Amino acid sequence: MSINNRGKIQGEIESILRAAGIHPGMWARAATGKRAAASEAGGFDWILTTEKPAVVWDWERWDFVEEILLADGMLVPANGQVVLLDCHNRNSVKDVLGHVRDFAEAKVGEFPARTGQVFFADDPDSQAARAKVEGNHITDGSVGYQILKSVWVEEGSEVGIGGRIFAGPVRVTYQWSLKEFSITPIGADVLAKVRLLCGA
């Protein structure tokens, strides 16, 4: 592949990811579980992420990799909540649909997980999104996060973290800052477009 062609493809990849609200250094992965029914407090108990390996775009390797996002490595802001966004869009306050708080540890099958209570704002657009979630028309979500500590485990190698052994090839992220949670019409749609450009 020529340098010009490679640069063009990289530009297209960055453009697609930026349009989806995923900027260099920001990571996103689709939530792997289903949300629960509305709680008495008016929120939705949602599985935000699990430790099940997921394919993510790796800004450092400039490629798709499998990542294990350790549930006990999640850090939240001091105020105890993050914004709920529409498809990782963060260009306007109109993109904010509510917030997520009351984070807890859980288990989904064999995988440790993190849950949160998703609350929608009272404006008409947010309530329209809430109705789609309540009616099971929208079931997908995606965490937006910043990696603080991670290690790349090469194929054929193993790494021990917190008394657990991880075999490569995989990125193990063991400390990360939750920045936002997004509801999405199709959880991995953006990555599918990027994967097509990469020929993966």
Protein backbone atom coordinates (compact mmCIF):
# COMPACT_ATOMS: atom_id res chain seq x y z
CA MET A 1 0.00 0.00 0.00
CA SER A 2 1.45 3.39 -0.97
CA ILE A 3 2.15 6.01 1.69
CA ASN A 4 -0.42 8.37 0.11
CA ASN A 5 -3.09 5.65 0.05
CA ARG A 6 -2.30 4.65 3.64
CA GLY A 7 -2.52 8.28 4.77
CA LYS A 8 -5.87 8.64 3.01
CA ILE A 9 -7.26 5.51 4.71
CA GLN A 10 -5.96 6.68 8.11
CA GLY A 11 -7.67 10.03 7.51
CA GLU A 12 -10.94 8.29 6.66
CA ILE A 13 -10.70 6.09 9.77
CA GLU A 14 -10.07 9.10 12.01
CA SER A 15 -12.95 10.95 10.35
CA ILE A 16 -15.40 8.07 10.94
CA LEU A 17 -14.34 7.67 14.56
CA ARG A 18 -14.45 11.44 15.24
CA ALA A 19 -17.93 11.65 13.68
CA ALA A 20 -18.99 9.01 16.19
CA GLY A 21 -17.50 11.04 19.06
CA ILE A 22 -14.46 8.76 19.44
CA HIS A 23 -11.37 10.97 19.38
CA PRO A 24 -7.70 9.92 19.53
CA GLY A 25 -7.00 8.61 23.02
CA MET A 26 -10.71 7.90 23.65
CA TRP A 27 -11.78 4.27 23.58
CA ALA A 28 -15.23 2.78 23.18
CA ARG A 29 -16.69 -0.70 23.27
CA ALA A 30 -20.20 -2.01 22.98
CA ALA A 31 -21.98 -3.15 26.11
CA THR A 32 -22.42 -6.90 26.01
CA GLY A 33 -25.42 -7.35 28.25
CA LYS A 34 -29.07 -6.41 28.17
CA ARG A 35 -30.46 -3.65 30.33
CA ALA A 36 -32.98 -4.45 33.02
CA ALA A 37 -36.42 -2.99 33.56
CA ALA A 38 -36.86 0.44 35.07
CA SER A 39 -36.06 0.59 38.78
CA GLU A 40 -38.20 2.15 41.50
CA ALA A 41 -35.88 5.19 41.46
CA GLY A 42 -36.82 5.81 37.82
CA GLY A 43 -33.54 4.69 36.28
CA PHE A 44 -32.61 1.65 34.25
CA ASP A 45 -30.17 -0.87 35.70
CA TRP A 46 -27.82 -1.37 32.75
CA ILE A 47 -24.82 -3.67 32.31
CA LEU A 48 -22.22 -1.15 31.15
CA THR A 49 -19.35 -3.52 30.41
CA THR A 50 -18.02 -6.99 31.15
CA GLU A 51 -14.60 -8.62 31.13
CA LYS A 52 -15.55 -10.65 28.08
CA PRO A 53 -12.87 -9.92 25.44
CA ALA A 54 -14.10 -7.40 22.89
CA VAL A 55 -12.62 -6.16 19.64
CA VAL A 56 -11.68 -2.47 19.95
CA TRP A 57 -9.80 0.05 17.84
CA ASP A 58 -6.30 0.43 19.31
CA TRP A 59 -4.94 3.95 18.74
CA GLU A 60 -1.40 2.88 19.65
CA ARG A 61 -1.23 -0.17 17.36
CA TRP A 62 -3.49 1.46 14.71
CA ASP A 63 -5.39 -1.80 14.36
CA PHE A 64 -8.19 -3.84 15.84
CA VAL A 65 -7.26 -5.85 18.91
CA GLU A 66 -9.04 -7.93 21.50
CA GLU A 67 -9.23 -6.14 24.82
CA ILE A 68 -10.16 -7.27 28.30
CA LEU A 69 -11.41 -4.31 30.32
CA LEU A 70 -11.04 -5.29 33.98
CA ALA A 71 -14.21 -4.43 35.87
CA ASP A 72 -12.42 -3.62 39.12
CA GLY A 73 -10.18 -1.16 37.26
CA MET A 74 -13.01 1.28 36.52
CA LEU A 75 -12.64 4.77 37.99
CA VAL A 76 -15.51 7.25 38.07
CA PRO A 77 -15.45 11.03 38.54
CA ALA A 78 -15.52 12.44 42.07
CA ASN A 79 -19.19 13.40 41.69
CA GLY A 80 -20.05 9.71 41.19
CA GLN A 81 -21.70 10.03 37.80
CA VAL A 82 -21.01 10.34 34.07
CA VAL A 83 -23.08 11.74 31.23
CA LEU A 84 -25.44 9.63 29.16
CA LEU A 85 -24.83 10.51 25.52
CA ASP A 86 -26.49 9.87 22.19
CA CYS A 87 -24.04 7.63 20.25
CA HIS A 88 -20.85 9.10 21.81
CA ASN A 89 -21.72 12.52 20.36
CA ARG A 90 -20.35 15.25 22.59
CA ASN A 91 -20.45 18.31 20.38
CA SER A 92 -23.45 19.92 22.04
CA VAL A 93 -25.36 19.89 25.31
CA LYS A 94 -28.25 18.58 23.20
CA ASP A 95 -26.32 15.30 22.89
CA VAL A 96 -26.62 14.75 26.65
CA LEU A 97 -29.65 12.55 27.34
CA GLY A 98 -29.12 12.18 31.09
CA HIS A 99 -26.59 10.61 33.41
CA VAL A 100 -25.39 7.29 34.86
CA ARG A 101 -24.66 6.74 38.57
CA ASP A 102 -24.90 4.11 41.34
CA PHE A 103 -22.23 1.88 39.81
CA ALA A 104 -21.94 -1.67 41.09
CA GLU A 105 -20.03 -4.87 40.50
CA ALA A 106 -21.91 -7.76 38.92
CA LYS A 107 -21.36 -11.03 37.12
CA VAL A 108 -22.63 -11.81 33.61
CA GLY A 109 -22.23 -15.51 32.99
CA GLU A 110 -18.62 -16.24 33.88
CA PHE A 111 -17.46 -12.63 33.43
CA PRO A 112 -17.12 -9.91 36.09
CA ALA A 113 -19.04 -6.79 35.03
CA ARG A 114 -19.96 -3.23 36.01
CA THR A 115 -23.51 -1.94 36.09
CA GLY A 116 -24.96 1.52 36.49
CA GLN A 117 -28.31 3.21 36.90
CA VAL A 118 -29.17 5.11 33.70
CA PHE A 119 -31.35 8.20 34.23
CA PHE A 120 -32.88 10.27 31.42
CA ALA A 121 -33.34 14.05 31.53
CA ASP A 122 -36.82 15.61 31.39
CA ASP A 123 -36.54 17.37 28.00
CA PRO A 124 -38.59 15.98 25.08
CA ASP A 125 -35.64 14.47 23.15
CA SER A 126 -34.34 12.64 26.23
CA GLN A 127 -37.80 11.38 27.10
CA ALA A 128 -38.27 10.16 23.51
CA ALA A 129 -35.00 8.19 23.85
CA ARG A 130 -36.19 6.86 27.24
CA ALA A 131 -39.43 5.63 25.66
CA LYS A 132 -37.42 3.74 23.02
CA VAL A 133 -35.35 2.09 25.74
CA GLU A 134 -38.43 1.29 27.81
CA GLY A 135 -40.12 -0.23 24.76
CA ASN A 136 -37.02 -2.36 24.01
CA HIS A 137 -36.51 -0.57 20.68
CA ILE A 138 -33.03 0.45 21.87
CA THR A 139 -31.10 -2.18 23.83
CA ASP A 140 -27.48 -1.41 22.93
CA GLY A 141 -25.04 0.75 24.81
CA SER A 142 -21.36 1.57 24.71
CA VAL A 143 -18.86 2.86 27.28
CA GLY A 144 -16.52 5.73 26.40
CA TYR A 145 -13.37 5.57 28.50
CA GLN A 146 -9.76 6.65 28.83
CA ILE A 147 -7.10 4.03 29.42
CA LEU A 148 -4.87 4.82 32.39
CA LYS A 149 -2.97 1.53 32.72
CA SER A 150 -2.88 -1.36 30.28
CA VAL A 151 -0.50 -3.93 28.91
CA TRP A 152 -0.25 -5.56 25.50
CA VAL A 153 0.27 -9.31 25.81
CA GLU A 154 2.02 -10.69 22.73
CA GLU A 155 0.83 -13.90 21.10
CA GLY A 156 2.36 -16.89 22.89
CA SER A 157 3.03 -14.83 26.03
CA GLU A 158 1.27 -14.61 29.39
CA VAL A 159 1.03 -11.79 31.91
CA GLY A 160 -0.07 -11.89 35.53
CA ILE A 161 -2.26 -9.04 36.81
CA GLY A 162 -3.90 -9.05 40.23
CA GLY A 163 -3.27 -12.76 40.70
CA ARG A 164 -4.81 -13.66 37.33
CA ILE A 165 -3.04 -14.90 34.20
CA PHE A 166 -3.87 -13.49 30.75
CA ALA A 167 -2.68 -15.15 27.53
CA GLY A 168 -1.98 -13.13 24.39
CA PRO A 169 -2.63 -11.76 21.96
CA VAL A 170 -4.76 -9.34 23.99
CA ARG A 171 -4.70 -5.87 25.51
CA VAL A 172 -5.51 -6.03 29.23
CA THR A 173 -6.69 -2.68 30.56
CA TYR A 174 -6.47 -2.78 34.33
CA GLN A 175 -7.11 0.86 35.19
CA TRP A 176 -9.46 3.06 33.18
CA SER A 177 -11.53 6.17 33.64
CA LEU A 178 -15.19 5.98 32.64
CA LYS A 179 -15.98 9.20 30.74
CA GLU A 180 -19.49 8.50 29.45
CA PHE A 181 -22.05 5.87 28.56
CA SER A 182 -23.92 6.07 25.27
CA ILE A 183 -27.09 4.49 24.06
CA THR A 184 -26.66 3.38 20.47
CA PRO A 185 -28.99 1.99 17.79
CA ILE A 186 -26.43 -0.70 16.87
CA GLY A 187 -23.59 -1.27 19.32
CA ALA A 188 -20.65 -1.93 17.00
CA ASP A 189 -21.76 -0.08 13.85
CA VAL A 190 -18.93 2.49 13.87
CA LEU A 191 -16.25 -0.17 14.30
CA ALA A 192 -17.80 -2.17 11.47
CA LYS A 193 -17.24 0.80 9.12
CA VAL A 194 -13.63 1.17 10.24
CA ARG A 195 -13.05 -2.59 9.92
CA LEU A 196 -14.24 -2.40 6.30
CA LEU A 197 -11.69 0.35 5.52
CA CYS A 198 -8.91 -1.72 7.11
CA GLY A 199 -9.85 -4.76 5.07
CA ALA A 200 -10.42 -6.75 8.25
